[in-house]
Amino acid sequence: SPGQAHAIWNMEFPTHGGATLSMRSFAGRPLLLNFWATWCPPCIEEMPLLDRFYAENHANGWQVLGLAVDQGAAVTRFLTQTPVQFPVALAGMAGVELSRSLGNQGGGLPFTVVFDGTGQVAQRKIGRVDPQDLQEWRDMR
């Protein structure tokens, strides 16, 4: 329902480095949340694009979070070879249900959700993002 915050804002996720990441820490500014996995080729292909989006827009308040529907060891291995500047946390297989609750009925990857500064879902895309998507989302405010 409108104005109702999604349950995700009360969640915490482990990072591949062993820390705990609280979704509350992202509240108040726009957030691009990307569900991905190391075994998903389109997820891997869009990673540099998301990293560039973060690098170019985080000074303007944009946040990016990668939620891996994957095993910690695989994610650590991948990020060692392909580092990104934005935070990555582990949702495990529970990430599939979480992505469904955000509008990804089929549960496929990649899936990207954009939250506005009030924590409401502003955009969502099932499948790989392209530069035009990112430009439109960036300019939506």
N, C-alpha and C. Protein backbone atom coordinates (compact mmCIF):
# COMPACT_ATOMS: atom_id res chain seq x y z
N SER A 1 0.84 -1.20 0.00
CA SER A 1 0.00 0.00 0.00
C SER A 1 0.87 1.25 0.00
N PRO A 2 0.37 2.35 -0.52
CA PRO A 2 1.19 3.58 -0.59
C PRO A 2 1.62 4.03 0.80
N GLY A 3 2.83 4.48 0.89
CA GLY A 3 3.34 4.99 2.16
C GLY A 3 3.79 3.89 3.11
N GLN A 4 3.50 2.65 2.78
CA GLN A 4 3.88 1.52 3.63
C GLN A 4 5.32 1.12 3.28
N ALA A 5 6.19 1.16 4.26
CA ALA A 5 7.58 0.80 3.99
C ALA A 5 7.69 -0.72 3.79
N HIS A 6 8.47 -1.13 2.82
CA HIS A 6 8.68 -2.56 2.57
C HIS A 6 9.49 -3.15 3.73
N ALA A 7 9.22 -4.42 4.01
CA ALA A 7 9.90 -5.12 5.11
C ALA A 7 11.42 -5.14 4.96
N ILE A 8 11.90 -4.92 3.73
CA ILE A 8 13.35 -4.96 3.51
C ILE A 8 14.09 -3.95 4.38
N TRP A 9 13.42 -2.84 4.73
CA TRP A 9 14.10 -1.79 5.49
C TRP A 9 14.42 -2.21 6.92
N ASN A 10 13.83 -3.32 7.38
CA ASN A 10 14.15 -3.84 8.72
C ASN A 10 15.15 -4.98 8.67
N MET A 11 15.65 -5.30 7.48
CA MET A 11 16.52 -6.46 7.32
C MET A 11 17.99 -6.13 7.48
N GLU A 12 18.74 -7.18 7.81
CA GLU A 12 20.20 -7.10 7.85
C GLU A 12 20.74 -8.27 7.05
N PHE A 13 21.88 -8.05 6.41
CA PHE A 13 22.50 -9.09 5.59
C PHE A 13 23.98 -9.18 5.92
N PRO A 14 24.54 -10.40 5.92
CA PRO A 14 25.99 -10.51 6.06
C PRO A 14 26.69 -10.05 4.78
N THR A 15 27.87 -9.48 4.93
CA THR A 15 28.68 -9.16 3.75
C THR A 15 29.65 -10.31 3.54
N HIS A 16 30.25 -10.37 2.35
CA HIS A 16 31.20 -11.45 2.09
C HIS A 16 32.43 -11.31 2.96
N GLY A 17 32.65 -10.11 3.50
CA GLY A 17 33.79 -9.88 4.39
C GLY A 17 33.51 -10.24 5.84
N GLY A 18 32.27 -10.65 6.13
CA GLY A 18 31.94 -11.08 7.48
C GLY A 18 31.26 -10.03 8.34
N ALA A 19 31.09 -8.82 7.82
CA ALA A 19 30.39 -7.78 8.57
C ALA A 19 28.87 -7.95 8.40
N THR A 20 28.11 -7.13 9.10
CA THR A 20 26.66 -7.13 8.94
C THR A 20 26.25 -5.79 8.35
N LEU A 21 25.42 -5.85 7.34
CA LEU A 21 24.97 -4.64 6.67
C LEU A 21 23.48 -4.45 6.98
N SER A 22 23.14 -3.31 7.57
CA SER A 22 21.76 -3.02 7.90
C SER A 22 21.12 -2.17 6.80
N MET A 23 19.96 -2.59 6.33
CA MET A 23 19.27 -1.82 5.29
C MET A 23 18.91 -0.42 5.78
N ARG A 24 18.73 -0.27 7.09
CA ARG A 24 18.39 1.05 7.63
C ARG A 24 19.46 2.08 7.30
N SER A 25 20.70 1.62 7.16
CA SER A 25 21.80 2.56 6.88
C SER A 25 21.66 3.22 5.51
N PHE A 26 20.77 2.67 4.65
CA PHE A 26 20.57 3.24 3.32
C PHE A 26 19.36 4.18 3.26
N ALA A 27 18.63 4.30 4.38
CA ALA A 27 17.40 5.09 4.37
C ALA A 27 17.70 6.57 4.14
N GLY A 28 16.76 7.25 3.50
CA GLY A 28 16.84 8.70 3.35
C GLY A 28 17.46 9.19 2.06
N ARG A 29 18.06 8.28 1.29
CA ARG A 29 18.65 8.66 0.00
C ARG A 29 18.28 7.60 -1.03
N PRO A 30 18.25 7.96 -2.31
CA PRO A 30 17.87 6.96 -3.31
C PRO A 30 18.85 5.78 -3.33
N LEU A 31 18.29 4.59 -3.56
CA LEU A 31 19.08 3.36 -3.54
C LEU A 31 18.75 2.51 -4.76
N LEU A 32 19.78 2.11 -5.47
CA LEU A 32 19.64 1.11 -6.53
C LEU A 32 20.05 -0.22 -5.92
N LEU A 33 19.09 -1.14 -5.83
CA LEU A 33 19.32 -2.45 -5.23
C LEU A 33 19.32 -3.49 -6.34
N ASN A 34 20.43 -4.20 -6.47
CA ASN A 34 20.60 -5.16 -7.57
C ASN A 34 20.75 -6.57 -7.02
N PHE A 35 19.80 -7.45 -7.39
CA PHE A 35 19.88 -8.87 -7.05
C PHE A 35 20.68 -9.56 -8.15
N TRP A 36 21.71 -10.30 -7.78
CA TRP A 36 22.61 -10.90 -8.78
C TRP A 36 23.19 -12.20 -8.24
N ALA A 37 23.93 -12.89 -9.09
CA ALA A 37 24.64 -14.10 -8.69
C ALA A 37 25.85 -14.29 -9.59
N THR A 38 26.86 -14.96 -9.08
CA THR A 38 28.07 -15.19 -9.87
C THR A 38 27.82 -16.13 -11.03
N TRP A 39 26.78 -16.98 -10.93
CA TRP A 39 26.47 -17.97 -11.98
C TRP A 39 25.52 -17.42 -13.05
N CYS A 40 25.26 -16.11 -13.01
CA CYS A 40 24.30 -15.47 -13.91
C CYS A 40 25.05 -14.55 -14.88
N PRO A 41 25.27 -14.98 -16.14
CA PRO A 41 26.07 -14.16 -17.07
C PRO A 41 25.59 -12.71 -17.24
N PRO A 42 24.27 -12.44 -17.40
CA PRO A 42 23.87 -11.03 -17.54
C PRO A 42 24.15 -10.21 -16.28
N CYS A 43 24.13 -10.87 -15.12
CA CYS A 43 24.47 -10.17 -13.87
C CYS A 43 25.91 -9.68 -13.91
N ILE A 44 26.79 -10.57 -14.37
CA ILE A 44 28.22 -10.27 -14.43
C ILE A 44 28.47 -9.17 -15.47
N GLU A 45 27.72 -9.24 -16.59
CA GLU A 45 27.91 -8.26 -17.65
C GLU A 45 27.52 -6.85 -17.21
N GLU A 46 26.50 -6.73 -16.34
CA GLU A 46 26.04 -5.39 -15.96
C GLU A 46 26.83 -4.82 -14.77
N MET A 47 27.65 -5.64 -14.13
CA MET A 47 28.39 -5.21 -12.95
C MET A 47 29.24 -3.94 -13.19
N PRO A 48 30.03 -3.89 -14.28
CA PRO A 48 30.83 -2.67 -14.52
C PRO A 48 29.96 -1.43 -14.72
N LEU A 49 28.78 -1.61 -15.31
CA LEU A 49 27.86 -0.51 -15.53
C LEU A 49 27.33 0.03 -14.20
N LEU A 50 26.96 -0.87 -13.30
CA LEU A 50 26.49 -0.47 -11.98
C LEU A 50 27.60 0.20 -11.19
N ASP A 51 28.82 -0.32 -11.34
CA ASP A 51 29.96 0.25 -10.64
C ASP A 51 30.22 1.68 -11.12
N ARG A 52 30.11 1.88 -12.43
CA ARG A 52 30.31 3.22 -13.00
C ARG A 52 29.20 4.17 -12.54
N PHE A 53 27.96 3.67 -12.52
CA PHE A 53 26.83 4.48 -12.04
C PHE A 53 27.10 4.94 -10.61
N TYR A 54 27.56 4.03 -9.77
CA TYR A 54 27.87 4.37 -8.39
C TYR A 54 28.99 5.41 -8.32
N ALA A 55 30.05 5.17 -9.06
CA ALA A 55 31.21 6.08 -9.04
C ALA A 55 30.80 7.49 -9.47
N GLU A 56 29.93 7.58 -10.48
CA GLU A 56 29.57 8.89 -11.04
C GLU A 56 28.48 9.59 -10.24
N ASN A 57 27.71 8.86 -9.44
CA ASN A 57 26.53 9.47 -8.82
C ASN A 57 26.48 9.42 -7.30
N HIS A 58 27.42 8.72 -6.65
CA HIS A 58 27.29 8.63 -5.20
C HIS A 58 27.53 9.97 -4.52
N ALA A 59 28.30 10.84 -5.14
CA ALA A 59 28.50 12.18 -4.56
C ALA A 59 27.19 12.98 -4.56
N ASN A 60 26.26 12.61 -5.45
CA ASN A 60 24.96 13.28 -5.51
C ASN A 60 23.91 12.57 -4.65
N GLY A 61 24.34 11.66 -3.81
CA GLY A 61 23.42 11.01 -2.88
C GLY A 61 22.95 9.63 -3.29
N TRP A 62 23.31 9.18 -4.49
CA TRP A 62 22.87 7.85 -4.93
C TRP A 62 23.66 6.76 -4.22
N GLN A 63 22.95 5.69 -3.87
CA GLN A 63 23.56 4.52 -3.26
C GLN A 63 23.29 3.31 -4.15
N VAL A 64 24.21 2.36 -4.13
CA VAL A 64 24.04 1.11 -4.86
C VAL A 64 24.37 -0.02 -3.89
N LEU A 65 23.55 -1.06 -3.91
CA LEU A 65 23.82 -2.25 -3.11
C LEU A 65 23.60 -3.48 -3.97
N GLY A 66 24.58 -4.36 -4.00
CA GLY A 66 24.42 -5.65 -4.67
C GLY A 66 24.03 -6.70 -3.65
N LEU A 67 22.90 -7.37 -3.87
CA LEU A 67 22.47 -8.47 -3.00
C LEU A 67 22.67 -9.77 -3.75
N ALA A 68 23.61 -10.57 -3.30
CA ALA A 68 23.97 -11.80 -4.01
C ALA A 68 23.08 -12.96 -3.59
N VAL A 69 22.40 -13.56 -4.58
CA VAL A 69 21.61 -14.77 -4.36
C VAL A 69 22.58 -15.92 -4.64
N ASP A 70 23.49 -16.14 -3.71
CA ASP A 70 24.66 -16.96 -4.00
C ASP A 70 25.35 -17.37 -2.71
N GLN A 71 26.38 -18.18 -2.83
CA GLN A 71 27.21 -18.61 -1.70
C GLN A 71 28.31 -17.58 -1.44
N GLY A 72 28.63 -17.38 -0.18
CA GLY A 72 29.65 -16.42 0.19
C GLY A 72 31.00 -16.65 -0.47
N ALA A 73 31.42 -17.91 -0.54
CA ALA A 73 32.74 -18.22 -1.11
C ALA A 73 32.80 -17.83 -2.59
N ALA A 74 31.72 -18.10 -3.32
CA ALA A 74 31.68 -17.76 -4.75
C ALA A 74 31.72 -16.25 -4.95
N VAL A 75 31.00 -15.53 -4.08
CA VAL A 75 30.96 -14.07 -4.18
C VAL A 75 32.33 -13.48 -3.87
N THR A 76 32.98 -13.98 -2.82
CA THR A 76 34.31 -13.50 -2.46
C THR A 76 35.30 -13.73 -3.60
N ARG A 77 35.24 -14.92 -4.19
CA ARG A 77 36.12 -15.26 -5.30
C ARG A 77 35.89 -14.30 -6.47
N PHE A 78 34.62 -14.06 -6.79
CA PHE A 78 34.28 -13.17 -7.90
C PHE A 78 34.77 -11.75 -7.63
N LEU A 79 34.50 -11.23 -6.42
CA LEU A 79 34.84 -9.84 -6.12
C LEU A 79 36.35 -9.63 -5.99
N THR A 80 37.09 -10.70 -5.72
CA THR A 80 38.55 -10.60 -5.70
C THR A 80 39.07 -10.34 -7.10
N GLN A 81 38.45 -10.99 -8.08
CA GLN A 81 38.86 -10.82 -9.48
C GLN A 81 38.24 -9.58 -10.12
N THR A 82 37.03 -9.24 -9.69
CA THR A 82 36.27 -8.13 -10.29
C THR A 82 35.76 -7.22 -9.18
N PRO A 83 36.64 -6.41 -8.58
CA PRO A 83 36.19 -5.60 -7.46
C PRO A 83 35.21 -4.50 -7.90
N VAL A 84 34.28 -4.16 -7.02
CA VAL A 84 33.37 -3.05 -7.26
C VAL A 84 33.47 -2.09 -6.07
N GLN A 85 33.09 -0.84 -6.30
CA GLN A 85 33.21 0.18 -5.26
C GLN A 85 32.01 0.20 -4.32
N PHE A 86 30.87 -0.32 -4.79
CA PHE A 86 29.66 -0.29 -3.96
C PHE A 86 29.60 -1.53 -3.06
N PRO A 87 28.84 -1.45 -1.96
CA PRO A 87 28.75 -2.60 -1.05
C PRO A 87 28.00 -3.78 -1.67
N VAL A 88 28.42 -4.98 -1.28
CA VAL A 88 27.77 -6.21 -1.71
C VAL A 88 27.47 -7.03 -0.45
N ALA A 89 26.24 -7.52 -0.36
CA ALA A 89 25.85 -8.35 0.77
C ALA A 89 25.28 -9.67 0.25
N LEU A 90 25.15 -10.63 1.17
CA LEU A 90 24.71 -11.98 0.80
C LEU A 90 23.27 -12.21 1.24
N ALA A 91 22.40 -12.46 0.26
CA ALA A 91 21.01 -12.77 0.58
C ALA A 91 20.78 -14.28 0.55
N GLY A 92 21.71 -15.03 -0.06
CA GLY A 92 21.51 -16.47 -0.21
C GLY A 92 20.25 -16.76 -1.01
N MET A 93 19.74 -17.98 -0.90
CA MET A 93 18.56 -18.34 -1.68
C MET A 93 17.31 -17.60 -1.21
N ALA A 94 17.32 -17.09 0.02
CA ALA A 94 16.20 -16.29 0.51
C ALA A 94 16.02 -15.03 -0.33
N GLY A 95 17.08 -14.65 -1.04
CA GLY A 95 17.01 -13.47 -1.91
C GLY A 95 16.00 -13.63 -3.02
N VAL A 96 15.73 -14.87 -3.43
CA VAL A 96 14.74 -15.11 -4.48
C VAL A 96 13.36 -14.67 -4.00
N GLU A 97 12.99 -15.12 -2.79
CA GLU A 97 11.69 -14.73 -2.22
C GLU A 97 11.62 -13.23 -1.99
N LEU A 98 12.72 -12.66 -1.51
CA LEU A 98 12.75 -11.22 -1.27
C LEU A 98 12.53 -10.46 -2.57
N SER A 99 13.17 -10.91 -3.65
CA SER A 99 13.00 -10.22 -4.93
C SER A 99 11.56 -10.38 -5.43
N ARG A 100 10.94 -11.53 -5.18
CA ARG A 100 9.52 -11.72 -5.55
C ARG A 100 8.64 -10.71 -4.82
N SER A 101 8.94 -10.49 -3.54
CA SER A 101 8.12 -9.57 -2.74
C SER A 101 8.27 -8.13 -3.23
N LEU A 102 9.31 -7.88 -4.02
CA LEU A 102 9.55 -6.53 -4.58
C LEU A 102 9.08 -6.43 -6.03
N GLY A 103 8.39 -7.46 -6.52
CA GLY A 103 7.80 -7.37 -7.86
C GLY A 103 8.41 -8.27 -8.91
N ASN A 104 9.38 -9.10 -8.52
CA ASN A 104 10.04 -10.00 -9.48
C ASN A 104 9.34 -11.37 -9.43
N GLN A 105 8.14 -11.44 -10.03
CA GLN A 105 7.31 -12.64 -9.89
C GLN A 105 8.02 -13.93 -10.25
N GLY A 106 8.77 -13.92 -11.35
CA GLY A 106 9.44 -15.15 -11.79
C GLY A 106 10.66 -15.51 -10.98
N GLY A 107 11.18 -14.56 -10.20
CA GLY A 107 12.36 -14.81 -9.39
C GLY A 107 13.66 -14.87 -10.18
N GLY A 108 13.64 -14.42 -11.43
CA GLY A 108 14.84 -14.48 -12.27
C GLY A 108 15.87 -13.41 -11.92
N LEU A 109 17.08 -13.61 -12.40
CA LEU A 109 18.18 -12.67 -12.18
C LEU A 109 18.75 -12.23 -13.52
N PRO A 110 19.33 -11.03 -13.57
CA PRO A 110 19.36 -10.02 -12.51
C PRO A 110 18.00 -9.33 -12.35
N PHE A 111 17.82 -8.72 -11.18
CA PHE A 111 16.62 -7.94 -10.89
C PHE A 111 17.08 -6.70 -10.15
N THR A 112 16.64 -5.55 -10.61
CA THR A 112 17.06 -4.28 -10.02
C THR A 112 15.84 -3.49 -9.56
N VAL A 113 15.92 -2.97 -8.35
CA VAL A 113 14.86 -2.13 -7.78
C VAL A 113 15.48 -0.80 -7.41
N VAL A 114 14.79 0.28 -7.75
CA VAL A 114 15.22 1.61 -7.34
C VAL A 114 14.24 2.12 -6.29
N PHE A 115 14.77 2.46 -5.13
CA PHE A 115 13.98 3.08 -4.07
C PHE A 115 14.26 4.58 -4.08
N ASP A 116 13.21 5.38 -3.90
CA ASP A 116 13.44 6.82 -3.78
C ASP A 116 13.89 7.14 -2.36
N GLY A 117 14.13 8.41 -2.09
CA GLY A 117 14.65 8.82 -0.79
C GLY A 117 13.71 8.56 0.37
N THR A 118 12.43 8.27 0.08
CA THR A 118 11.48 7.97 1.15
C THR A 118 11.35 6.46 1.39
N GLY A 119 12.11 5.67 0.64
CA GLY A 119 12.09 4.22 0.83
C GLY A 119 11.03 3.50 0.01
N GLN A 120 10.35 4.23 -0.87
CA GLN A 120 9.33 3.61 -1.72
C GLN A 120 9.96 3.10 -3.02
N VAL A 121 9.41 2.01 -3.57
CA VAL A 121 9.87 1.50 -4.86
C VAL A 121 9.48 2.49 -5.95
N ALA A 122 10.48 2.99 -6.67
CA ALA A 122 10.24 3.97 -7.74
C ALA A 122 10.34 3.34 -9.12
N GLN A 123 11.24 2.36 -9.26
CA GLN A 123 11.46 1.68 -10.54
C GLN A 123 11.85 0.24 -10.26
N ARG A 124 11.58 -0.61 -11.23
CA ARG A 124 12.10 -1.99 -11.14
C ARG A 124 12.36 -2.51 -12.55
N LYS A 125 13.34 -3.37 -12.67
CA LYS A 125 13.64 -3.97 -13.97
C LYS A 125 14.08 -5.41 -13.78
N ILE A 126 13.41 -6.31 -14.51
CA ILE A 126 13.80 -7.71 -14.54
C ILE A 126 14.71 -7.87 -15.76
N GLY A 127 15.90 -8.43 -15.55
CA GLY A 127 16.86 -8.54 -16.65
C GLY A 127 17.93 -7.47 -16.55
N ARG A 128 18.84 -7.54 -17.49
CA ARG A 128 20.02 -6.68 -17.46
C ARG A 128 19.66 -5.20 -17.65
N VAL A 129 20.27 -4.33 -16.86
CA VAL A 129 20.06 -2.89 -17.05
C VAL A 129 20.97 -2.41 -18.17
N ASP A 130 20.55 -1.32 -18.82
CA ASP A 130 21.41 -0.72 -19.84
C ASP A 130 21.66 0.74 -19.45
N PRO A 131 22.60 1.40 -20.13
CA PRO A 131 22.93 2.78 -19.76
C PRO A 131 21.72 3.71 -19.77
N GLN A 132 20.77 3.47 -20.68
CA GLN A 132 19.59 4.33 -20.75
C GLN A 132 18.72 4.20 -19.50
N ASP A 133 18.56 2.97 -19.00
CA ASP A 133 17.81 2.77 -17.75
C ASP A 133 18.44 3.61 -16.65
N LEU A 134 19.75 3.50 -16.51
CA LEU A 134 20.45 4.18 -15.43
C LEU A 134 20.32 5.69 -15.55
N GLN A 135 20.39 6.19 -16.78
CA GLN A 135 20.26 7.63 -17.00
C GLN A 135 18.86 8.11 -16.61
N GLU A 136 17.84 7.36 -17.01
CA GLU A 136 16.46 7.73 -16.67
C GLU A 136 16.24 7.70 -15.17
N TRP A 137 16.75 6.67 -14.51
CA TRP A 137 16.58 6.56 -13.06
C TRP A 137 17.30 7.69 -12.35
N ARG A 138 18.50 8.00 -12.81
CA ARG A 138 19.28 9.06 -12.17
C ARG A 138 18.55 10.39 -12.25
N ASP A 139 17.86 10.61 -13.37
CA ASP A 139 17.20 11.90 -13.60
C ASP A 139 15.77 11.95 -13.08
N MET A 140 15.33 10.89 -12.39
CA MET A 140 13.91 10.83 -12.02
C MET A 140 13.53 11.81 -10.92
N ARG A 141 14.53 12.32 -10.20
CA ARG A 141 14.19 13.19 -9.07
C ARG A 141 13.81 14.58 -9.56
